C-alpha atoms as a PDB file:
ATOM      1  CA  MET A   1      11.863 -16.204 -61.568  1.00  0.00           C
ATOM      2  CA  GLU A   2       9.710 -13.059 -60.796  1.00  0.00           C
ATOM      3  CA  ILE A   3       7.365 -15.084 -58.639  1.00  0.00           C
ATOM      4  CA  ASN A   4      10.074 -16.094 -56.507  1.00  0.00           C
ATOM      5  CA  SER A   5      11.436 -12.665 -56.212  1.00  0.00           C
ATOM      6  CA  LEU A   6       8.066 -11.445 -55.119  1.00  0.00           C
ATOM      7  CA  MET A   7       7.511 -14.485 -52.828  1.00  0.00           C
ATOM      8  CA  SER A   8      10.829 -13.576 -51.161  1.00  0.00           C
ATOM      9  CA  SER A   9      10.155  -9.959 -50.545  1.00  0.00           C
ATOM     10  CA  GLN A  10       6.569 -11.020 -49.116  1.00  0.00           C
ATOM     11  CA  LEU A  11       8.419 -13.447 -46.712  1.00  0.00           C
ATOM     12  CA  MET A  12      10.781 -10.807 -45.504  1.00  0.00           C
ATOM     13  CA  GLU A  13       7.686  -8.320 -44.892  1.00  0.00           C
ATOM     14  CA  LEU A  14       5.891 -10.997 -43.051  1.00  0.00           C
ATOM     15  CA  GLN A  15       9.100 -11.808 -41.001  1.00  0.00           C
ATOM     16  CA  GLN A  16       9.440  -8.284 -40.252  1.00  0.00           C
ATOM     17  CA  THR A  17       5.811  -7.873 -39.123  1.00  0.00           C
ATOM     18  CA  VAL A  18       6.063 -10.851 -36.996  1.00  0.00           C
ATOM     19  CA  GLN A  19       9.338  -9.586 -35.290  1.00  0.00           C
ATOM     20  CA  LEU A  20       7.490  -6.362 -34.634  1.00  0.00           C
ATOM     21  CA  SER A  21       4.326  -7.984 -33.309  1.00  0.00           C
ATOM     22  CA  VAL A  22       6.756  -9.988 -30.963  1.00  0.00           C
ATOM     23  CA  MET A  23       8.683  -6.769 -29.653  1.00  0.00           C
ATOM     24  CA  GLN A  24       5.290  -5.199 -28.860  1.00  0.00           C
ATOM     25  CA  SER A  25       4.027  -7.971 -27.052  1.00  0.00           C
ATOM     26  CA  ALA A  26       7.411  -7.969 -24.954  1.00  0.00           C
ATOM     27  CA  LEU A  27       7.182  -4.395 -24.419  1.00  0.00           C
ATOM     28  CA  ASN A  28       3.513  -4.554 -23.025  1.00  0.00           C
ATOM     29  CA  LEU A  29       4.268  -7.424 -20.948  1.00  0.00           C
ATOM     30  CA  ASN A  30       7.313  -5.692 -19.446  1.00  0.00           C
ATOM     31  CA  THR A  31       5.150  -2.576 -18.993  1.00  0.00           C
ATOM     32  CA  SER A  32       2.728  -4.633 -17.129  1.00  0.00           C
ATOM     33  CA  ALA A  33       5.236  -6.098 -14.868  1.00  0.00           C
ATOM     34  CA  ALA A  34       6.726  -2.854 -14.147  1.00  0.00           C
ATOM     35  CA  ILE A  35       3.456  -1.240 -13.178  1.00  0.00           C
ATOM     36  CA  GLU A  36       2.597  -4.096 -10.813  1.00  0.00           C
ATOM     37  CA  LEU A  37       5.891  -3.834  -9.189  1.00  0.00           C
ATOM     38  CA  LEU A  38       5.239  -0.386  -8.678  1.00  0.00           C
ATOM     39  CA  GLN A  39       2.029  -0.791  -7.308  1.00  0.00           C
ATOM     40  CA  ASP A  40       3.221  -3.578  -4.796  1.00  0.00           C
ATOM     41  CA  ILE A  41       5.597  -1.025  -3.396  1.00  0.00           C
ATOM     42  CA  PRO A  42       4.389  -0.013  -0.071  1.00  0.00           C
ATOM     43  CA  GLU A  43       3.822   3.588   0.291  1.00  0.00           C
ATOM     44  CA  GLN A  44       6.761   5.230   2.304  1.00  0.00           C
ATOM     45  CA  GLN A  45       5.909   8.086   4.560  1.00  0.00           C
ATOM     46  CA  VAL A  46       8.098  11.092   4.110  1.00  0.00           C
ATOM     47  CA  PRO A  47      10.234  11.660   7.125  1.00  0.00           C
ATOM     48  CA  THR A  48       9.261  14.610   9.238  1.00  0.00           C
ATOM     49  CA  HIS A  49      11.769  17.111   9.685  1.00  0.00           C
ATOM     50  CA  PRO A  50      13.177  17.300  13.128  1.00  0.00           C
ATOM     51  CA  TYR A  51      12.143  20.696  14.165  1.00  0.00           C
ATOM     52  CA  LYS A  52      10.078  21.915  11.280  1.00  0.00           C
ATOM     53  CA  GLY A  53       6.899  23.791  12.668  1.00  0.00           C
ATOM     54  CA  SER A  54       8.007  23.436  16.211  1.00  0.00           C
ATOM     55  CA  ILE A  55      10.488  26.416  16.415  1.00  0.00           C
ATOM     56  CA  ILE A  56      10.410  29.860  15.028  1.00  0.00           C
ATOM     57  CA  ASP A  57      13.234  31.564  14.102  1.00  0.00           C
ATOM     58  CA  ILE A  58      12.830  35.394  13.464  1.00  0.00           C
ATOM     59  CA  SER A  59      15.603  37.812  12.706  1.00  0.00           C
ATOM     60  CA  ILE A  60      14.909  41.435  12.490  1.00  0.00           C
END
């Protein structure tokens, strides 16, 4: 009976380890995919201000 209990607890530990391993692999895959998507986005230029730098407004 004790061997059965020991094997049962070891099986549960193994299942937990495998689940964690699968989750880690999925997270790594999702991270890689997100990085690729971000790298594929073309760099957008910041729109220039309509009059910034061309008009001087001085008040005294």
